Amino acid sequence: MQARTGAGPNRQGKGAGDGRRSARRPRNTDLRGGAVVIGKANGAISITGIGAYAPEHVITNDELSQMMDTSDEWIVERTGIRERRVAADDQALSDLALPAARDALEQAGLDAGTVDLVIVATVTPDMAFPSAGAIIADELGAPDAAAYDLSAGCTGFMYAVAQGYGMVAAGLSRHALVVGGDVLSRILDWSDRGTAVLFGDGAGAVVLERVSEGGFLGFELGADGSGGPQLYLPAGGSRTPASAESVAERKHYVQMNGREVFKFATRVLVTSAEKVLAECGKSIDDVDVYIPHQANVRIIDHAAEKLGIPKEKIVVNVERYGNTSSGSIPLALADAQVEGRLQEGSLVLMTGMGAGLTWGSGLIEWTTNGRK
């Protein structure tokens, strides 16, 4: 059967035309917004294992300056990024996720066969289907685990952790493996300095289990679909299937309105954090470790200033990895652990934002004691 390369029948009504959505500005999301607040988590469930993986190949800013009109000084001044990792040609998302998952399970002291749930947050799975979750579960040796992917842009990891928490709390899982990762290098226009300088490849994983006390105190999640066209991939889905035309028109690369995304990010990273803290009866002064999405240093600094959190409490690794989308927060979480910042009883705040437009936060009292 020959692959279809042209457009299908022009079905009249909603969605007819070239599939483009009007680029409206995102709504002004503040503490009175319509985000879903899961609130104070019911039952003690914590992260008992962390793993992370970044590809070996490093691309520096100086190397990028040979590919496009940019410089190390220009990139560092605007983003804080000095280098990023890029997957090898034969590496897909699952190839990055598997080492991270194995490390997380080893740290948790679990055999892969005991994993009964695998959730993968990504916008760059190996293929449209089957899910990366199913592929990873099979490769790990957890063939009977429930497994699936979710797509929430750079906020994906926070969404996946909240879902994993809910499944464990409901008794539908005992040992949940949550993976966040992306191979954004596959969907970047390497001649566009507005996007190519920002992103990198990487993956992280955590294990969620019941514990005797502490653990997650609450989550806050939300989305504003009106801002979707500010950060999106125009083609490759059912709206605009892959075709010779879509490839020629370069619609399979990330498109971003940097100015609008910056304004959105600096707003929701603050309001989301404030919401989850208020819901859990905590203040920013109670936070010991702050792990924001590693979009760029300017966004992180702006959010930290608005929140009033000192720099020594913030985990930042964007200079080494760039923005790894769903891999951003778990990679930073792994760094925090290596640096000895995740102490028993530490209050850890994680906040993310991304395509959708989406946002989400989680607050956890760090503990691995009393696993059940």
Protein backbone atom coordinates (compact mmCIF):
# COMPACT_ATOMS: atom_id res chain seq x y z
CA MET A 1 0.00 0.00 0.00
CA GLN A 2 1.48 3.34 -1.04
CA ALA A 3 1.87 5.94 1.70
CA ARG A 4 -0.43 8.92 1.42
CA THR A 5 1.59 12.05 0.67
CA GLY A 6 -1.16 14.55 -0.05
CA ALA A 7 -3.91 16.04 2.07
CA GLY A 8 -7.05 14.03 2.70
CA PRO A 9 -10.57 15.10 1.80
CA ASN A 10 -11.35 18.66 2.83
CA ARG A 11 -13.89 17.96 5.54
CA GLN A 12 -15.87 21.13 6.10
CA GLY A 13 -16.49 22.51 9.54
CA LYS A 14 -14.24 22.87 12.55
CA GLY A 15 -10.62 22.26 11.74
CA ALA A 16 -10.91 22.58 7.95
CA GLY A 17 -8.03 24.31 6.24
CA ASP A 18 -4.29 24.00 6.83
CA GLY A 19 -4.62 22.93 10.46
CA ARG A 20 -3.13 26.08 11.96
CA ARG A 21 -4.52 27.48 15.16
CA SER A 22 -4.68 31.17 15.84
CA ALA A 23 -1.91 32.24 18.18
CA ARG A 24 -3.77 33.79 21.08
CA ARG A 25 -1.91 35.02 24.10
CA PRO A 26 -2.09 32.68 27.10
CA ARG A 27 -4.54 33.69 29.78
CA ASN A 28 -3.19 35.53 32.80
CA THR A 29 -2.89 32.56 35.13
CA ASP A 30 -2.69 33.64 38.76
CA LEU A 31 -3.78 32.35 42.16
CA ARG A 32 -7.43 32.75 41.15
CA GLY A 33 -6.97 30.69 37.99
CA GLY A 34 -8.76 27.48 37.13
CA ALA A 35 -5.89 25.06 37.70
CA VAL A 36 -6.62 21.71 39.29
CA VAL A 37 -5.18 21.50 42.78
CA ILE A 38 -4.80 17.92 43.97
CA GLY A 39 -3.98 19.34 47.35
CA LYS A 40 -2.69 17.66 50.47
CA ALA A 41 -1.63 14.19 49.45
CA ASN A 42 -3.50 11.46 51.29
CA GLY A 43 -1.13 8.75 52.45
CA ALA A 44 2.65 8.62 52.72
CA ILE A 45 4.19 7.98 49.31
CA SER A 46 7.72 9.01 48.44
CA ILE A 47 10.52 8.76 45.90
CA THR A 48 12.74 5.84 46.91
CA GLY A 49 15.07 5.70 43.93
CA ILE A 50 16.45 8.15 41.35
CA GLY A 51 18.26 7.56 38.07
CA ALA A 52 19.44 9.80 35.25
CA TYR A 53 21.09 9.47 31.87
CA ALA A 54 22.45 11.96 29.35
CA PRO A 55 23.98 11.01 25.99
CA GLU A 56 27.76 11.11 25.64
CA HIS A 57 27.92 13.53 22.72
CA VAL A 58 28.31 17.15 23.83
CA ILE A 59 27.65 20.15 21.60
CA THR A 60 29.14 23.39 22.89
CA ASN A 61 28.05 26.90 22.11
CA ASP A 62 31.18 27.40 20.04
CA GLU A 63 30.20 24.43 17.89
CA LEU A 64 26.72 25.90 17.41
CA SER A 65 28.29 29.15 16.26
CA GLN A 66 29.70 27.20 13.31
CA MET A 67 26.18 26.11 12.35
CA MET A 68 24.20 29.33 12.75
CA ASP A 69 24.47 33.04 13.47
CA THR A 70 25.24 32.93 17.18
CA SER A 71 28.10 32.95 19.68
CA ASP A 72 28.95 31.54 23.09
CA GLU A 73 28.61 35.01 24.61
CA TRP A 74 25.16 35.56 23.04
CA ILE A 75 23.82 32.20 24.25
CA VAL A 76 25.24 32.40 27.78
CA GLU A 77 24.02 35.96 28.31
CA ARG A 78 20.44 35.09 27.32
CA THR A 79 20.10 31.51 28.59
CA GLY A 80 22.97 30.53 30.86
CA ILE A 81 23.49 27.44 28.68
CA ARG A 82 27.07 26.51 27.79
CA GLU A 83 26.58 23.04 26.31
CA ARG A 84 23.98 20.36 25.75
CA ARG A 85 23.90 16.60 25.15
CA VAL A 86 22.66 15.13 21.87
CA ALA A 87 21.63 11.52 21.32
CA ALA A 88 23.51 9.34 18.85
CA ASP A 89 21.80 8.47 15.58
CA ASP A 90 20.91 5.01 16.87
CA GLN A 91 19.52 6.23 20.22
CA ALA A 92 15.78 6.68 20.73
CA LEU A 93 13.96 7.86 23.84
CA SER A 94 13.82 4.35 25.32
CA ASP A 95 17.61 4.02 24.97
CA LEU A 96 18.05 7.07 27.19
CA ALA A 97 15.32 6.06 29.61
CA LEU A 98 16.46 2.49 30.26
CA PRO A 99 19.78 3.32 32.00
CA ALA A 100 18.01 5.91 34.13
CA ALA A 101 15.26 3.44 35.03
CA ARG A 102 17.73 0.70 35.94
CA ASP A 103 19.68 3.08 38.20
CA ALA A 104 16.48 4.19 39.93
CA LEU A 105 15.43 0.58 40.57
CA GLU A 106 18.89 -0.33 41.84
CA GLN A 107 18.86 2.59 44.24
CA ALA A 108 15.42 1.57 45.47
CA GLY A 109 16.63 -2.00 45.92
CA LEU A 110 13.95 -3.39 43.63
CA ASP A 111 14.00 -6.08 41.00
CA ALA A 112 12.41 -4.97 37.73
CA GLY A 113 9.98 -7.85 37.99
CA THR A 114 8.31 -6.17 40.98
CA VAL A 115 7.46 -3.02 38.99
CA ASP A 116 3.72 -2.96 38.30
CA LEU A 117 3.40 0.49 36.70
CA VAL A 118 5.53 2.39 34.18
CA ILE A 119 4.59 5.95 33.20
CA VAL A 120 6.72 7.77 30.65
CA ALA A 121 6.46 11.53 30.19
CA THR A 122 7.74 12.52 26.76
CA VAL A 123 6.90 14.35 23.54
CA THR A 124 9.47 12.34 21.58
CA PRO A 125 8.65 8.63 22.04
CA ASP A 126 10.41 6.02 19.92
CA MET A 127 7.37 5.95 17.63
CA ALA A 128 3.70 6.93 17.67
CA PHE A 129 2.79 3.49 19.00
CA PRO A 130 3.39 1.25 20.83
CA SER A 131 4.16 3.50 23.77
CA ALA A 132 7.66 4.07 25.06
CA GLY A 133 6.28 2.88 28.40
CA ALA A 134 5.48 -0.55 26.98
CA ILE A 135 8.87 -0.76 25.27
CA ILE A 136 10.71 0.21 28.46
CA ALA A 137 8.69 -2.17 30.65
CA ASP A 138 9.51 -5.04 28.30
CA GLU A 139 13.21 -4.21 28.09
CA LEU A 140 13.45 -3.86 31.87
CA GLY A 141 11.86 -7.23 32.50
CA ALA A 142 8.51 -6.00 33.81
CA PRO A 143 6.29 -7.52 31.10
CA ASP A 144 3.06 -7.50 33.12
CA ALA A 145 3.32 -3.92 34.36
CA ALA A 146 0.72 -1.40 33.27
CA ALA A 147 2.62 0.95 30.98
CA TYR A 148 1.82 4.08 29.00
CA ASP A 149 3.05 7.52 27.92
CA LEU A 150 1.73 10.98 28.62
CA SER A 151 2.43 14.23 26.83
CA ALA A 152 2.52 17.49 28.76
CA GLY A 153 5.60 19.13 27.31
CA CYS A 154 8.29 20.13 29.77
CA THR A 155 5.77 19.74 32.62
CA GLY A 156 5.36 16.07 31.73
CA PHE A 157 7.44 14.72 34.59
CA MET A 158 5.33 16.53 37.21
CA TYR A 159 2.13 15.23 35.61
CA ALA A 160 3.55 11.70 35.54
CA VAL A 161 4.67 11.80 39.17
CA ALA A 162 1.23 13.05 40.23
CA GLN A 163 -0.41 10.21 38.28
CA GLY A 164 2.00 7.67 39.71
CA TYR A 165 1.28 8.95 43.20
CA GLY A 166 -2.44 8.63 42.57
CA MET A 167 -2.11 5.05 41.34
CA VAL A 168 -0.09 4.02 44.38
CA ALA A 169 -2.47 5.86 46.72
CA ALA A 170 -5.44 4.09 45.12
CA GLY A 171 -3.86 0.69 45.59
CA LEU A 172 -3.49 0.14 41.84
CA SER A 173 0.30 0.04 42.08
CA ARG A 174 2.83 -0.91 44.70
CA HIS A 175 6.07 -0.09 42.89
CA ALA A 176 5.63 2.65 40.28
CA LEU A 177 8.38 3.68 37.89
CA VAL A 178 8.06 7.20 36.50
CA VAL A 179 10.28 8.28 33.62
CA GLY A 180 10.73 11.75 32.14
CA GLY A 181 12.81 12.25 29.04
CA ASP A 182 13.05 13.61 25.54
CA VAL A 183 15.18 13.51 22.40
CA LEU A 184 14.36 17.00 21.20
CA SER A 185 17.38 17.08 18.89
CA ARG A 186 15.26 15.05 16.47
CA ILE A 187 12.71 17.84 16.07
CA LEU A 188 14.92 20.94 16.11
CA ASP A 189 15.79 23.15 13.17
CA TRP A 190 19.54 23.36 13.65
CA SER A 191 19.69 26.61 11.71
CA ASP A 192 17.25 28.38 14.05
CA ARG A 193 19.04 29.98 16.97
CA GLY A 194 15.70 30.78 18.60
CA THR A 195 15.21 27.10 19.44
CA ALA A 196 18.33 25.06 18.63
CA VAL A 197 20.49 26.75 21.27
CA LEU A 198 18.00 26.00 24.04
CA PHE A 199 17.37 22.28 24.01
CA GLY A 200 19.21 19.06 24.76
CA ASP A 201 18.53 15.35 25.17
CA GLY A 202 18.30 13.40 28.42
CA ALA A 203 16.13 11.29 30.70
CA GLY A 204 15.53 10.66 34.37
CA ALA A 205 13.51 8.19 36.39
CA VAL A 206 12.13 7.79 39.90
CA VAL A 207 10.52 4.98 41.87
CA LEU A 208 7.40 5.75 43.91
CA GLU A 209 6.46 3.60 46.91
CA ARG A 210 4.55 3.82 50.16
CA VAL A 211 6.54 4.92 53.19
CA SER A 212 5.66 5.23 56.87
CA GLU A 213 5.70 9.04 57.00
CA GLY A 214 6.64 12.14 55.04
CA GLY A 215 6.70 11.85 51.27
CA PHE A 216 4.57 13.93 48.93
CA LEU A 217 2.45 16.57 50.61
CA GLY A 218 0.64 17.87 47.55
CA PHE A 219 0.57 18.65 43.85
CA GLU A 220 -0.77 21.46 41.66
CA LEU A 221 -1.40 20.97 37.96
CA GLY A 222 -2.94 23.11 35.26
CA ALA A 223 -3.14 23.88 31.56
CA ASP A 224 -4.11 26.76 29.29
CA GLY A 225 -4.77 25.47 25.79
CA SER A 226 -5.24 28.98 24.43
CA GLY A 227 -1.45 29.30 24.56
CA GLY A 228 -0.80 26.11 22.63
CA PRO A 229 0.40 27.83 19.43
CA GLN A 230 3.13 29.62 21.39
CA LEU A 231 5.11 26.37 21.62
CA TYR A 232 4.22 23.48 19.34
CA LEU A 233 5.14 21.03 16.59
CA PRO A 234 2.90 21.87 13.62
CA ALA A 235 2.92 18.56 11.73
CA GLY A 236 3.09 14.84 12.30
CA GLY A 237 -0.27 14.35 14.01
CA SER A 238 -3.75 13.68 12.66
CA ARG A 239 -4.36 17.41 12.05
CA THR A 240 -1.44 17.72 9.65
CA PRO A 241 -0.10 14.26 8.78
CA ALA A 242 3.43 13.89 7.51
CA SER A 243 3.66 14.54 3.78
CA ALA A 244 6.12 15.77 1.21
CA GLU A 245 4.56 19.21 1.60
CA SER A 246 4.80 19.31 5.40
CA VAL A 247 8.46 18.31 5.23
CA ALA A 248 9.24 20.88 2.55
CA GLU A 249 7.52 23.56 4.63
CA ARG A 250 9.63 22.57 7.68
CA LYS A 251 6.59 21.86 9.81
CA HIS A 252 8.24 19.00 11.69
CA TYR A 253 10.42 21.30 13.78
CA VAL A 254 9.64 22.94 17.12
CA GLN A 255 8.02 26.35 16.74
CA MET A 256 8.19 28.77 19.66
CA ASN A 257 7.23 32.35 20.43
CA GLY A 258 10.06 32.97 22.87
CA ARG A 259 8.75 36.25 24.24
CA GLU A 260 5.30 34.87 25.11
CA VAL A 261 6.71 31.65 26.54
CA PHE A 262 9.08 33.65 28.75
CA LYS A 263 6.22 35.75 30.12
CA PHE A 264 4.10 32.66 30.72
CA ALA A 265 6.95 30.74 32.38
CA THR A 266 7.96 33.48 34.78
CA ARG A 267 4.33 33.88 35.84
CA VAL A 268 3.22 30.28 36.33
CA LEU A 269 6.39 29.00 37.97
CA VAL A 270 5.62 31.48 40.74
CA THR A 271 1.85 31.04 41.02
CA SER A 272 2.00 27.24 40.83
CA ALA A 273 4.62 27.11 43.58
CA GLU A 274 2.61 29.52 45.73
CA LYS A 275 -0.54 27.45 45.27
CA VAL A 276 0.93 24.14 46.34
CA LEU A 277 2.71 25.72 49.30
CA ALA A 278 -0.48 27.43 50.47
CA GLU A 279 -2.52 24.25 50.04
CA CYS A 280 -0.03 22.32 52.16
CA GLY A 281 0.22 24.97 54.86
CA LYS A 282 3.83 25.82 54.05
CA SER A 283 5.70 28.99 53.14
CA ILE A 284 8.61 29.56 50.81
CA ASP A 285 10.83 29.93 53.89
CA ASP A 286 10.09 26.29 54.76
CA VAL A 287 11.54 25.06 51.46
CA ASP A 288 15.02 23.54 51.69
CA VAL A 289 15.54 22.63 48.03
CA TYR A 290 13.90 24.23 44.99
CA ILE A 291 14.05 22.33 41.69
CA PRO A 292 12.54 24.37 38.85
CA HIS A 293 12.24 23.29 35.24
CA GLN A 294 15.60 24.03 33.63
CA ALA A 295 14.35 26.20 30.76
CA ASN A 296 17.00 28.89 31.01
CA VAL A 297 18.76 30.82 33.76
CA ARG A 298 16.81 34.04 33.18
CA ILE A 299 13.49 32.29 33.79
CA ILE A 300 14.85 30.51 36.88
CA ASP A 301 16.33 33.71 38.32
CA HIS A 302 13.15 35.68 37.67
CA ALA A 303 10.95 33.06 39.36
CA ALA A 304 13.32 32.74 42.31
CA GLU A 305 13.33 36.50 42.84
CA LYS A 306 9.53 36.68 42.76
CA LEU A 307 9.23 33.74 45.17
CA GLY A 308 11.89 35.17 47.46
CA ILE A 309 13.95 31.99 47.60
CA PRO A 310 17.74 32.32 48.02
CA LYS A 311 20.00 31.03 45.26
CA GLU A 312 21.74 28.53 47.52
CA LYS A 313 18.48 26.57 47.77
CA ILE A 314 18.01 26.32 43.99
CA VAL A 315 19.25 23.42 41.87
CA VAL A 316 20.51 24.62 38.48
CA ASN A 317 22.20 22.45 35.84
CA VAL A 318 20.91 24.09 32.67
CA GLU A 319 24.42 25.26 31.80
CA ARG A 320 25.45 21.62 31.19
CA TYR A 321 22.30 20.09 29.71
CA GLY A 322 20.17 22.87 28.26
CA ASN A 323 16.41 22.37 28.36
CA THR A 324 15.77 18.61 28.26
CA SER A 325 11.98 19.00 28.43
CA SER A 326 10.48 16.12 30.46
CA GLY A 327 13.98 15.09 31.49
CA SER A 328 14.74 18.46 33.06
CA ILE A 329 13.42 18.04 36.61
CA PRO A 330 14.51 14.41 37.17
CA LEU A 331 18.02 15.22 35.89
CA ALA A 332 18.19 18.12 38.35
CA LEU A 333 16.78 15.90 41.09
CA ALA A 334 19.56 13.38 40.45
CA ASP A 335 22.17 16.15 40.64
CA ALA A 336 20.70 17.34 43.94
CA GLN A 337 21.04 13.85 45.34
CA VAL A 338 24.64 13.47 44.18
CA GLU A 339 25.45 16.83 45.77
CA GLY A 340 24.00 15.63 49.10
CA ARG A 341 21.19 18.17 49.12
CA LEU A 342 18.33 15.67 49.62
CA GLN A 343 18.55 15.03 53.34
CA GLU A 344 16.02 13.14 55.43
CA GLY A 345 13.18 15.53 56.22
CA SER A 346 14.19 18.15 53.64
CA LEU A 347 11.25 19.98 52.08
CA VAL A 348 11.71 19.83 48.30
CA LEU A 349 9.67 21.94 45.88
CA MET A 350 9.57 20.99 42.18
CA THR A 351 7.92 23.25 39.61
CA GLY A 352 7.59 22.94 35.85
CA MET A 353 5.96 24.53 32.82
CA GLY A 354 5.84 23.67 29.16
CA ALA A 355 3.94 23.12 25.94
CA GLY A 356 0.19 22.95 26.16
CA LEU A 357 0.62 25.38 27.74
CA THR A 358 0.97 23.42 30.99
CA TRP A 359 2.35 23.86 34.46
CA GLY A 360 2.70 21.80 37.62
CA SER A 361 4.32 21.61 41.03
CA GLY A 362 4.95 18.97 43.65
CA LEU A 363 5.97 19.35 47.30
CA ILE A 364 7.69 16.47 49.06
CA GLU A 365 9.10 15.91 52.53
CA TRP A 366 12.12 13.89 51.55
CA THR A 367 12.31 10.42 53.04
CA THR A 368 13.15 6.88 52.06
CA ASN A 369 12.58 5.44 55.53
CA GLY A 370 9.90 2.96 56.49
CA ARG A 371 9.15 1.63 53.03
CA LYS A 372 6.10 -0.64 52.99
